Amino acid sequence: MYDLTNLSMVGCTGLTNDIDLTNCPEITQVDASGTTVNVLIPENSKITKYELGTPTRISIISPTQLNYINVNVDDSTNIDSLDIINATDNNSFKMFGRIMNV
């Protein structure tokens, strides 16, 4: 699904595996709120909206258009790995705060 731009799987509670979108360079929106899956996005992605439910790992590396306001996590208590690298406009700390709900 190389040209995929939008993934919405809100409330799909039966999913258990990671959703790997690292080969989808055109992805701009992910909404997996209400799930427990990890949604992996590509480095240097064009993503503008990234919403997760109760993930265990998050990796946001060099997003080109993602603003911290459009990053949401329903519940951060199960996160055991969090990478936020080279967020635009020094948004890394603000993204961390949004993800960890602090």
PDB file of N, CA and C in Angstrom:
ATOM      1  N   MET A   1       0.839  -1.188   0.000  1.00  0.00           N
ATOM      2  CA  MET A   1       0.000   0.000   0.000  1.00  0.00           C
ATOM      3  C   MET A   1       0.884   1.252   0.000  1.00  0.00           C
ATOM      4  N   TYR A   2       1.760   1.322  -0.940  1.00  0.00           N
ATOM      5  CA  TYR A   2       2.742   2.398  -1.041  1.00  0.00           C
ATOM      6  C   TYR A   2       2.100   3.783  -1.040  1.00  0.00           C
ATOM      7  N   ASP A   3       0.940   3.939  -1.676  1.00  0.00           N
ATOM      8  CA  ASP A   3       0.294   5.247  -1.811  1.00  0.00           C
ATOM      9  C   ASP A   3      -0.733   5.553  -0.725  1.00  0.00           C
ATOM     10  N   LEU A   4      -0.814   4.729   0.310  1.00  0.00           N
ATOM     11  CA  LEU A   4      -1.773   4.950   1.391  1.00  0.00           C
ATOM     12  C   LEU A   4      -1.519   6.307   2.043  1.00  0.00           C
ATOM     13  N   THR A   5      -2.587   7.092   2.227  1.00  0.00           N
ATOM     14  CA  THR A   5      -2.448   8.404   2.861  1.00  0.00           C
ATOM     15  C   THR A   5      -3.181   8.504   4.196  1.00  0.00           C
ATOM     16  N   ASN A   6      -4.208   7.689   4.408  1.00  0.00           N
ATOM     17  CA  ASN A   6      -5.018   7.817   5.611  1.00  0.00           C
ATOM     18  C   ASN A   6      -5.357   6.426   6.144  1.00  0.00           C
ATOM     19  N   LEU A   7      -5.063   6.191   7.413  1.00  0.00           N
ATOM     20  CA  LEU A   7      -5.423   4.931   8.059  1.00  0.00           C
ATOM     21  C   LEU A   7      -6.275   5.249   9.287  1.00  0.00           C
ATOM     22  N   SER A   8      -7.499   4.743   9.288  1.00  0.00           N
ATOM     23  CA  SER A   8      -8.394   4.925  10.419  1.00  0.00           C
ATOM     24  C   SER A   8      -8.902   3.557  10.855  1.00  0.00           C
ATOM     25  N   MET A   9      -8.614   3.197  12.092  1.00  0.00           N
ATOM     26  CA  MET A   9      -9.089   1.934  12.650  1.00  0.00           C
ATOM     27  C   MET A   9      -9.558   2.155  14.082  1.00  0.00           C
ATOM     28  N   VAL A  10     -10.309   3.188  14.263  1.00  0.00           N
ATOM     29  CA  VAL A  10     -10.794   3.593  15.577  1.00  0.00           C
ATOM     30  C   VAL A  10     -11.614   2.468  16.203  1.00  0.00           C
ATOM     31  N   GLY A  11     -11.244   2.091  17.430  1.00  0.00           N
ATOM     32  CA  GLY A  11     -12.010   1.120  18.191  1.00  0.00           C
ATOM     33  C   GLY A  11     -11.903  -0.326  17.737  1.00  0.00           C
ATOM     34  N   CYS A  12     -10.951  -0.651  16.889  1.00  0.00           N
ATOM     35  CA  CYS A  12     -10.768  -2.042  16.431  1.00  0.00           C
ATOM     36  C   CYS A  12     -10.012  -2.809  17.516  1.00  0.00           C
ATOM     37  N   THR A  13     -10.718  -3.236  18.533  1.00  0.00           N
ATOM     38  CA  THR A  13     -10.095  -3.826  19.717  1.00  0.00           C
ATOM     39  C   THR A  13      -9.558  -5.234  19.488  1.00  0.00           C
ATOM     40  N   GLY A  14      -9.951  -5.911  18.444  1.00  0.00           N
ATOM     41  CA  GLY A  14      -9.489  -7.273  18.195  1.00  0.00           C
ATOM     42  C   GLY A  14      -8.108  -7.359  17.577  1.00  0.00           C
ATOM     43  N   LEU A  15      -7.534  -6.231  17.173  1.00  0.00           N
ATOM     44  CA  LEU A  15      -6.209  -6.248  16.559  1.00  0.00           C
ATOM     45  C   LEU A  15      -5.132  -6.385  17.619  1.00  0.00           C
ATOM     46  N   THR A  16      -4.109  -7.206  17.325  1.00  0.00           N
ATOM     47  CA  THR A  16      -3.046  -7.399  18.304  1.00  0.00           C
ATOM     48  C   THR A  16      -1.648  -7.169  17.742  1.00  0.00           C
ATOM     49  N   ASN A  17      -1.462  -7.264  16.444  1.00  0.00           N
ATOM     50  CA  ASN A  17      -0.135  -7.090  15.858  1.00  0.00           C
ATOM     51  C   ASN A  17       0.155  -5.629  15.570  1.00  0.00           C
ATOM     52  N   ASP A  18       1.437  -5.312  15.381  1.00  0.00           N
ATOM     53  CA  ASP A  18       1.825  -3.974  14.950  1.00  0.00           C
ATOM     54  C   ASP A  18       1.301  -3.726  13.543  1.00  0.00           C
ATOM     55  N   ILE A  19       0.986  -2.481  13.246  1.00  0.00           N
ATOM     56  CA  ILE A  19       0.640  -2.066  11.897  1.00  0.00           C
ATOM     57  C   ILE A  19       1.862  -1.313  11.374  1.00  0.00           C
ATOM     58  N   ASP A  20       2.528  -1.888  10.397  1.00  0.00           N
ATOM     59  CA  ASP A  20       3.775  -1.329   9.891  1.00  0.00           C
ATOM     60  C   ASP A  20       3.515  -0.515   8.629  1.00  0.00           C
ATOM     61  N   LEU A  21       3.605   0.803   8.761  1.00  0.00           N
ATOM     62  CA  LEU A  21       3.411   1.709   7.637  1.00  0.00           C
ATOM     63  C   LEU A  21       4.728   2.324   7.177  1.00  0.00           C
ATOM     64  N   THR A  22       5.847   1.738   7.569  1.00  0.00           N
ATOM     65  CA  THR A  22       7.144   2.315   7.235  1.00  0.00           C
ATOM     66  C   THR A  22       7.426   2.331   5.735  1.00  0.00           C
ATOM     67  N   ASN A  23       6.703   1.542   4.962  1.00  0.00           N
ATOM     68  CA  ASN A  23       6.839   1.564   3.507  1.00  0.00           C
ATOM     69  C   ASN A  23       5.703   2.335   2.839  1.00  0.00           C
ATOM     70  N   CYS A  24       5.090   3.237   3.594  1.00  0.00           N
ATOM     71  CA  CYS A  24       4.001   4.070   3.072  1.00  0.00           C
ATOM     72  C   CYS A  24       4.412   5.542   3.212  1.00  0.00           C
ATOM     73  N   PRO A  25       5.266   6.020   2.316  1.00  0.00           N
ATOM     74  CA  PRO A  25       5.801   7.383   2.463  1.00  0.00           C
ATOM     75  C   PRO A  25       4.772   8.493   2.307  1.00  0.00           C
ATOM     76  N   GLU A  26       3.600   8.186   1.774  1.00  0.00           N
ATOM     77  CA  GLU A  26       2.569   9.203   1.559  1.00  0.00           C
ATOM     78  C   GLU A  26       1.579   9.305   2.713  1.00  0.00           C
ATOM     79  N   ILE A  27       1.763   8.509   3.773  1.00  0.00           N
ATOM     80  CA  ILE A  27       0.823   8.512   4.897  1.00  0.00           C
ATOM     81  C   ILE A  27       0.790   9.909   5.537  1.00  0.00           C
ATOM     82  N   THR A  28      -0.410  10.448   5.730  1.00  0.00           N
ATOM     83  CA  THR A  28      -0.555  11.762   6.351  1.00  0.00           C
ATOM     84  C   THR A  28      -1.391  11.713   7.625  1.00  0.00           C
ATOM     85  N   GLN A  29      -2.250  10.690   7.769  1.00  0.00           N
ATOM     86  CA  GLN A  29      -3.090  10.622   8.963  1.00  0.00           C
ATOM     87  C   GLN A  29      -3.222   9.189   9.447  1.00  0.00           C
ATOM     88  N   VAL A  30      -3.057   9.022  10.757  1.00  0.00           N
ATOM     89  CA  VAL A  30      -3.269   7.732  11.405  1.00  0.00           C
ATOM     90  C   VAL A  30      -4.171   7.971  12.605  1.00  0.00           C
ATOM     91  N   ASP A  31      -5.252   7.214  12.682  1.00  0.00           N
ATOM     92  CA  ASP A  31      -6.116   7.265  13.858  1.00  0.00           C
ATOM     93  C   ASP A  31      -6.397   5.836  14.297  1.00  0.00           C
ATOM     94  N   ALA A  32      -5.701   5.419  15.334  1.00  0.00           N
ATOM     95  CA  ALA A  32      -5.875   4.091  15.910  1.00  0.00           C
ATOM     96  C   ALA A  32      -6.324   4.224  17.363  1.00  0.00           C
ATOM     97  N   SER A  33      -7.047   5.284  17.662  1.00  0.00           N
ATOM     98  CA  SER A  33      -7.542   5.471  19.025  1.00  0.00           C
ATOM     99  C   SER A  33      -8.518   4.355  19.363  1.00  0.00           C
ATOM    100  N   GLY A  34      -8.527   3.970  20.610  1.00  0.00           N
ATOM    101  CA  GLY A  34      -9.399   2.891  21.043  1.00  0.00           C
ATOM    102  C   GLY A  34      -8.862   1.505  20.726  1.00  0.00           C
ATOM    103  N   THR A  35      -7.588   1.411  20.342  1.00  0.00           N
ATOM    104  CA  THR A  35      -6.955   0.116  20.060  1.00  0.00           C
ATOM    105  C   THR A  35      -5.736  -0.066  20.961  1.00  0.00           C
ATOM    106  N   THR A  36      -5.130  -1.232  20.872  1.00  0.00           N
ATOM    107  CA  THR A  36      -3.884  -1.481  21.608  1.00  0.00           C
ATOM    108  C   THR A  36      -2.708  -1.705  20.669  1.00  0.00           C
ATOM    109  N   VAL A  37      -2.881  -1.432  19.382  1.00  0.00           N
ATOM    110  CA  VAL A  37      -1.825  -1.684  18.410  1.00  0.00           C
ATOM    111  C   VAL A  37      -0.798  -0.555  18.376  1.00  0.00           C
ATOM    112  N   ASN A  38       0.397  -0.910  17.935  1.00  0.00           N
ATOM    113  CA  ASN A  38       1.432   0.062  17.622  1.00  0.00           C
ATOM    114  C   ASN A  38       1.345   0.319  16.129  1.00  0.00           C
ATOM    115  N   VAL A  39       1.374   1.572  15.726  1.00  0.00           N
ATOM    116  CA  VAL A  39       1.348   1.921  14.309  1.00  0.00           C
ATOM    117  C   VAL A  39       2.687   2.579  13.992  1.00  0.00           C
ATOM    118  N   LEU A  40       3.484   1.879  13.223  1.00  0.00           N
ATOM    119  CA  LEU A  40       4.823   2.343  12.883  1.00  0.00           C
ATOM    120  C   LEU A  40       4.767   3.199  11.631  1.00  0.00           C
ATOM    121  N   ILE A  41       5.324   4.390  11.713  1.00  0.00           N
ATOM    122  CA  ILE A  41       5.313   5.308  10.576  1.00  0.00           C
ATOM    123  C   ILE A  41       6.736   5.469  10.045  1.00  0.00           C
ATOM    124  N   PRO A  42       6.863   5.872   8.774  1.00  0.00           N
ATOM    125  CA  PRO A  42       8.202   5.998   8.194  1.00  0.00           C
ATOM    126  C   PRO A  42       8.971   7.193   8.745  1.00  0.00           C
ATOM    127  N   GLU A  43      10.293   7.093   8.697  1.00  0.00           N
ATOM    128  CA  GLU A  43      11.127   8.249   9.004  1.00  0.00           C
ATOM    129  C   GLU A  43      10.874   9.305   7.935  1.00  0.00           C
ATOM    130  N   ASN A  44      10.974  10.560   8.324  1.00  0.00           N
ATOM    131  CA  ASN A  44      10.742  11.685   7.415  1.00  0.00           C
ATOM    132  C   ASN A  44       9.331  11.674   6.837  1.00  0.00           C
ATOM    133  N   SER A  45       8.381  11.181   7.606  1.00  0.00           N
ATOM    134  CA  SER A  45       7.003  11.067   7.109  1.00  0.00           C
ATOM    135  C   SER A  45       6.353  12.428   6.960  1.00  0.00           C
ATOM    136  N   LYS A  46       5.315  12.457   6.136  1.00  0.00           N
ATOM    137  CA  LYS A  46       4.502  13.658   5.902  1.00  0.00           C
ATOM    138  C   LYS A  46       3.300  13.688   6.843  1.00  0.00           C
ATOM    139  N   ILE A  47       3.316  12.847   7.862  1.00  0.00           N
ATOM    140  CA  ILE A  47       2.158  12.686   8.736  1.00  0.00           C
ATOM    141  C   ILE A  47       1.804  14.004   9.422  1.00  0.00           C
ATOM    142  N   THR A  48       0.494  14.284   9.470  1.00  0.00           N
ATOM    143  CA  THR A  48       0.005  15.497  10.126  1.00  0.00           C
ATOM    144  C   THR A  48      -0.882  15.169  11.329  1.00  0.00           C
ATOM    145  N   LYS A  49      -1.343  13.921  11.436  1.00  0.00           N
ATOM    146  CA  LYS A  49      -2.198  13.492  12.549  1.00  0.00           C
ATOM    147  C   LYS A  49      -1.762  12.084  12.950  1.00  0.00           C
ATOM    148  N   TYR A  50      -1.491  11.894  14.243  1.00  0.00           N
ATOM    149  CA  TYR A  50      -1.025  10.598  14.743  1.00  0.00           C
ATOM    150  C   TYR A  50      -1.715  10.334  16.076  1.00  0.00           C
ATOM    151  N   GLU A  51      -2.743   9.486  16.059  1.00  0.00           N
ATOM    152  CA  GLU A  51      -3.517   9.189  17.258  1.00  0.00           C
ATOM    153  C   GLU A  51      -3.477   7.688  17.516  1.00  0.00           C
ATOM    154  N   LEU A  52      -3.130   7.330  18.748  1.00  0.00           N
ATOM    155  CA  LEU A  52      -3.034   5.932  19.142  1.00  0.00           C
ATOM    156  C   LEU A  52      -3.867   5.694  20.386  1.00  0.00           C
ATOM    157  N   GLY A  53      -4.195   4.448  20.623  1.00  0.00           N
ATOM    158  CA  GLY A  53      -4.976   4.079  21.804  1.00  0.00           C
ATOM    159  C   GLY A  53      -4.082   3.829  22.995  1.00  0.00           C
ATOM    160  N   THR A  54      -3.697   2.564  23.176  1.00  0.00           N
ATOM    161  CA  THR A  54      -2.829   2.157  24.277  1.00  0.00           C
ATOM    162  C   THR A  54      -1.629   1.415  23.692  1.00  0.00           C
ATOM    163  N   PRO A  55      -0.699   2.135  23.090  1.00  0.00           N
ATOM    164  CA  PRO A  55       0.436   1.480  22.444  1.00  0.00           C
ATOM    165  C   PRO A  55       1.504   1.052  23.457  1.00  0.00           C
ATOM    166  N   THR A  56       2.417   0.207  23.005  1.00  0.00           N
ATOM    167  CA  THR A  56       3.573  -0.153  23.828  1.00  0.00           C
ATOM    168  C   THR A  56       4.842   0.516  23.330  1.00  0.00           C
ATOM    169  N   ARG A  57       4.836   0.966  22.067  1.00  0.00           N
ATOM    170  CA  ARG A  57       6.001   1.693  21.561  1.00  0.00           C
ATOM    171  C   ARG A  57       5.585   2.712  20.514  1.00  0.00           C
ATOM    172  N   ILE A  58       6.340   3.797  20.513  1.00  0.00           N
ATOM    173  CA  ILE A  58       6.097   4.885  19.574  1.00  0.00           C
ATOM    174  C   ILE A  58       7.447   5.342  19.048  1.00  0.00           C
ATOM    175  N   SER A  59       7.517   5.532  17.736  1.00  0.00           N
ATOM    176  CA  SER A  59       8.734   6.029  17.112  1.00  0.00           C
ATOM    177  C   SER A  59       8.355   7.095  16.097  1.00  0.00           C
ATOM    178  N   ILE A  60       8.736   8.316  16.396  1.00  0.00           N
ATOM    179  CA  ILE A  60       8.490   9.455  15.493  1.00  0.00           C
ATOM    180  C   ILE A  60       9.860  10.035  15.169  1.00  0.00           C
ATOM    181  N   ILE A  61      10.347   9.753  13.959  1.00  0.00           N
ATOM    182  CA  ILE A  61      11.694  10.164  13.588  1.00  0.00           C
ATOM    183  C   ILE A  61      11.638  11.121  12.401  1.00  0.00           C
ATOM    184  N   SER A  62      12.073  12.321  12.644  1.00  0.00           N
ATOM    185  CA  SER A  62      12.153  13.372  11.628  1.00  0.00           C
ATOM    186  C   SER A  62      10.850  13.596  10.865  1.00  0.00           C
ATOM    187  N   PRO A  63       9.751  13.805  11.567  1.00  0.00           N
ATOM    188  CA  PRO A  63       8.504  14.102  10.850  1.00  0.00           C
ATOM    189  C   PRO A  63       8.630  15.466  10.179  1.00  0.00           C
ATOM    190  N   THR A  64       8.145  15.579   8.970  1.00  0.00           N
ATOM    191  CA  THR A  64       8.310  16.844   8.256  1.00  0.00           C
ATOM    192  C   THR A  64       7.172  17.826   8.491  1.00  0.00           C
ATOM    193  N   GLN A  65       5.978  17.334   8.896  1.00  0.00           N
ATOM    194  CA  GLN A  65       4.830  18.226   9.025  1.00  0.00           C
ATOM    195  C   GLN A  65       4.024  18.031  10.305  1.00  0.00           C
ATOM    196  N   LEU A  66       4.442  17.164  11.178  1.00  0.00           N
ATOM    197  CA  LEU A  66       3.654  16.844  12.372  1.00  0.00           C
ATOM    198  C   LEU A  66       3.843  17.892  13.459  1.00  0.00           C
ATOM    199  N   ASN A  67       2.737  18.463  13.910  1.00  0.00           N
ATOM    200  CA  ASN A  67       2.737  19.402  15.011  1.00  0.00           C
ATOM    201  C   ASN A  67       2.308  18.648  16.268  1.00  0.00           C
ATOM    202  N   TYR A  68       2.902  18.976  17.398  1.00  0.00           N
ATOM    203  CA  TYR A  68       2.603  18.269  18.645  1.00  0.00           C
ATOM    204  C   TYR A  68       1.117  18.266  18.987  1.00  0.00           C
ATOM    205  N   ILE A  69       0.365  19.256  18.554  1.00  0.00           N
ATOM    206  CA  ILE A  69      -1.061  19.335  18.856  1.00  0.00           C
ATOM    207  C   ILE A  69      -1.824  18.166  18.228  1.00  0.00           C
ATOM    208  N   ASN A  70      -1.306  17.625  17.131  1.00  0.00           N
ATOM    209  CA  ASN A  70      -1.986  16.547  16.412  1.00  0.00           C
ATOM    210  C   ASN A  70      -1.456  15.165  16.775  1.00  0.00           C
ATOM    211  N   VAL A  71      -0.798  15.062  17.921  1.00  0.00           N
ATOM    212  CA  VAL A  71      -0.336  13.778  18.450  1.00  0.00           C
ATOM    213  C   VAL A  71      -1.143  13.488  19.700  1.00  0.00           C
ATOM    214  N   ASN A  72      -1.847  12.355  19.717  1.00  0.00           N
ATOM    215  CA  ASN A  72      -2.666  12.007  20.877  1.00  0.00           C
ATOM    216  C   ASN A  72      -2.534  10.524  21.177  1.00  0.00           C
ATOM    217  N   VAL A  73      -2.494  10.200  22.455  1.00  0.00           N
ATOM    218  CA  VAL A  73      -2.465   8.819  22.922  1.00  0.00           C
ATOM    219  C   VAL A  73      -3.527   8.701  24.007  1.00  0.00           C
ATOM    220  N   ASP A  74      -4.423   7.712  23.857  1.00  0.00           N
ATOM    221  CA  ASP A  74      -5.485   7.523  24.848  1.00  0.00           C
ATOM    222  C   ASP A  74      -4.916   7.194  26.228  1.00  0.00           C
ATOM    223  N   ASP A  75      -3.941   6.284  26.261  1.00  0.00           N
ATOM    224  CA  ASP A  75      -3.381   5.817  27.533  1.00  0.00           C
ATOM    225  C   ASP A  75      -1.914   5.464  27.330  1.00  0.00           C
ATOM    226  N   SER A  76      -1.033   6.125  28.055  1.00  0.00           N
ATOM    227  CA  SER A  76       0.408   5.931  27.885  1.00  0.00           C
ATOM    228  C   SER A  76       1.023   4.961  28.887  1.00  0.00           C
ATOM    229  N   THR A  77       0.234   4.341  29.732  1.00  0.00           N
ATOM    230  CA  THR A  77       0.784   3.516  30.808  1.00  0.00           C
ATOM    231  C   THR A  77       1.528   2.276  30.323  1.00  0.00           C
ATOM    232  N   ASN A  78       1.254   1.785  29.120  1.00  0.00           N
ATOM    233  CA  ASN A  78       1.927   0.574  28.622  1.00  0.00           C
ATOM    234  C   ASN A  78       3.118   0.854  27.726  1.00  0.00           C
ATOM    235  N   ILE A  79       3.457   2.113  27.514  1.00  0.00           N
ATOM    236  CA  ILE A  79       4.572   2.448  26.633  1.00  0.00           C
ATOM    237  C   ILE A  79       5.888   2.035  27.284  1.00  0.00           C
ATOM    238  N   ASP A  80       6.654   1.189  26.569  1.00  0.00           N
ATOM    239  CA  ASP A  80       7.977   0.805  27.070  1.00  0.00           C
ATOM    240  C   ASP A  80       9.097   1.306  26.160  1.00  0.00           C
ATOM    241  N   SER A  81       8.728   1.926  25.022  1.00  0.00           N
ATOM    242  CA  SER A  81       9.728   2.477  24.115  1.00  0.00           C
ATOM    243  C   SER A  81       9.138   3.706  23.432  1.00  0.00           C
ATOM    244  N   LEU A  82       9.848   4.825  23.549  1.00  0.00           N
ATOM    245  CA  LEU A  82       9.369   6.079  22.965  1.00  0.00           C
ATOM    246  C   LEU A  82      10.547   6.815  22.348  1.00  0.00           C
ATOM    247  N   ASP A  83      10.511   6.986  21.024  1.00  0.00           N
ATOM    248  CA  ASP A  83      11.538   7.731  20.299  1.00  0.00           C
ATOM    249  C   ASP A  83      10.880   8.911  19.609  1.00  0.00           C
ATOM    250  N   ILE A  84      11.332  10.105  19.936  1.00  0.00           N
ATOM    251  CA  ILE A  84      10.919  11.315  19.239  1.00  0.00           C
ATOM    252  C   ILE A  84      12.215  12.006  18.847  1.00  0.00           C
ATOM    253  N   ILE A  85      12.510  11.990  17.551  1.00  0.00           N
ATOM    254  CA  ILE A  85      13.805  12.488  17.082  1.00  0.00           C
ATOM    255  C   ILE A  85      13.580  13.512  15.970  1.00  0.00           C
ATOM    256  N   ASN A  86      14.229  14.647  16.100  1.00  0.00           N
ATOM    257  CA  ASN A  86      14.206  15.693  15.067  1.00  0.00           C
ATOM    258  C   ASN A  86      12.800  16.163  14.710  1.00  0.00           C
ATOM    259  N   ALA A  87      11.976  16.375  15.699  1.00  0.00           N
ATOM    260  CA  ALA A  87      10.644  16.934  15.429  1.00  0.00           C
ATOM    261  C   ALA A  87      10.799  18.385  14.980  1.00  0.00           C
ATOM    262  N   THR A  88       9.987  18.809  14.035  1.00  0.00           N
ATOM    263  CA  THR A  88      10.099  20.159  13.497  1.00  0.00           C
ATOM    264  C   THR A  88       9.824  21.208  14.561  1.00  0.00           C
ATOM    265  N   ASP A  89      10.446  22.345  14.411  1.00  0.00           N
ATOM    266  CA  ASP A  89      10.239  23.495  15.304  1.00  0.00           C
ATOM    267  C   ASP A  89      10.447  23.151  16.776  1.00  0.00           C
ATOM    268  N   ASN A  90      11.355  22.240  17.066  1.00  0.00           N
ATOM    269  CA  ASN A  90      11.663  21.860  18.446  1.00  0.00           C
ATOM    270  C   ASN A  90      10.435  21.380  19.212  1.00  0.00           C
ATOM    271  N   ASN A  91       9.582  20.611  18.558  1.00  0.00           N
ATOM    272  CA  ASN A  91       8.361  20.106  19.179  1.00  0.00           C
ATOM    273  C   ASN A  91       8.560  18.806  19.951  1.00  0.00           C
ATOM    274  N   SER A  92       9.770  18.297  20.023  1.00  0.00           N
ATOM    275  CA  SER A  92      10.002  16.999  20.655  1.00  0.00           C
ATOM    276  C   SER A  92       9.494  16.957  22.098  1.00  0.00           C
ATOM    277  N   PHE A  93       9.831  17.955  22.890  1.00  0.00           N
ATOM    278  CA  PHE A  93       9.405  17.953  24.291  1.00  0.00           C
ATOM    279  C   PHE A  93       7.893  18.083  24.415  1.00  0.00           C
ATOM    280  N   LYS A  94       7.289  18.906  23.575  1.00  0.00           N
ATOM    281  CA  LYS A  94       5.842  19.079  23.617  1.00  0.00           C
ATOM    282  C   LYS A  94       5.140  17.799  23.177  1.00  0.00           C
ATOM    283  N   MET A  95       5.712  17.083  22.170  1.00  0.00           N
ATOM    284  CA  MET A  95       5.143  15.794  21.753  1.00  0.00           C
ATOM    285  C   MET A  95       5.238  14.797  22.887  1.00  0.00           C
ATOM    286  N   PHE A  96       6.378  14.775  23.568  1.00  0.00           N
ATOM    287  CA  PHE A  96       6.550  13.878  24.712  1.00  0.00           C
ATOM    288  C   PHE A  96       5.459  14.136  25.746  1.00  0.00           C
ATOM    289  N   GLY A  97       5.213  15.391  26.062  1.00  0.00           N
ATOM    290  CA  GLY A  97       4.183  15.751  27.024  1.00  0.00           C
ATOM    291  C   GLY A  97       2.791  15.302  26.598  1.00  0.00           C
ATOM    292  N   ARG A  98       2.471  15.476  25.318  1.00  0.00           N
ATOM    293  CA  ARG A  98       1.153  15.049  24.811  1.00  0.00           C
ATOM    294  C   ARG A  98       1.013  13.521  24.881  1.00  0.00           C
ATOM    295  N   ILE A  99       2.066  12.827  24.510  1.00  0.00           N
ATOM    296  CA  ILE A  99       2.022  11.366  24.501  1.00  0.00           C
ATOM    297  C   ILE A  99       1.904  10.819  25.911  1.00  0.00           C
ATOM    298  N   MET A 100       2.670  11.366  26.824  1.00  0.00           N
ATOM    299  CA  MET A 100       2.694  10.862  28.191  1.00  0.00           C
ATOM    300  C   MET A 100       1.613  11.494  29.068  1.00  0.00           C
ATOM    301  N   ASN A 101       0.811  12.370  28.502  1.00  0.00           N
ATOM    302  CA  ASN A 101      -0.278  13.035  29.225  1.00  0.00           C
ATOM    303  C   ASN A 101       0.198  13.762  30.464  1.00  0.00           C
ATOM    304  N   VAL A 102       1.281  14.532  30.289  1.00  0.00           N
ATOM    305  CA  VAL A 102       1.807  15.338  31.415  1.00  0.00           C
ATOM    306  C   VAL A 102       1.699  16.797  31.108  1.00  0.00           C
TER     307      VAL A 102
END
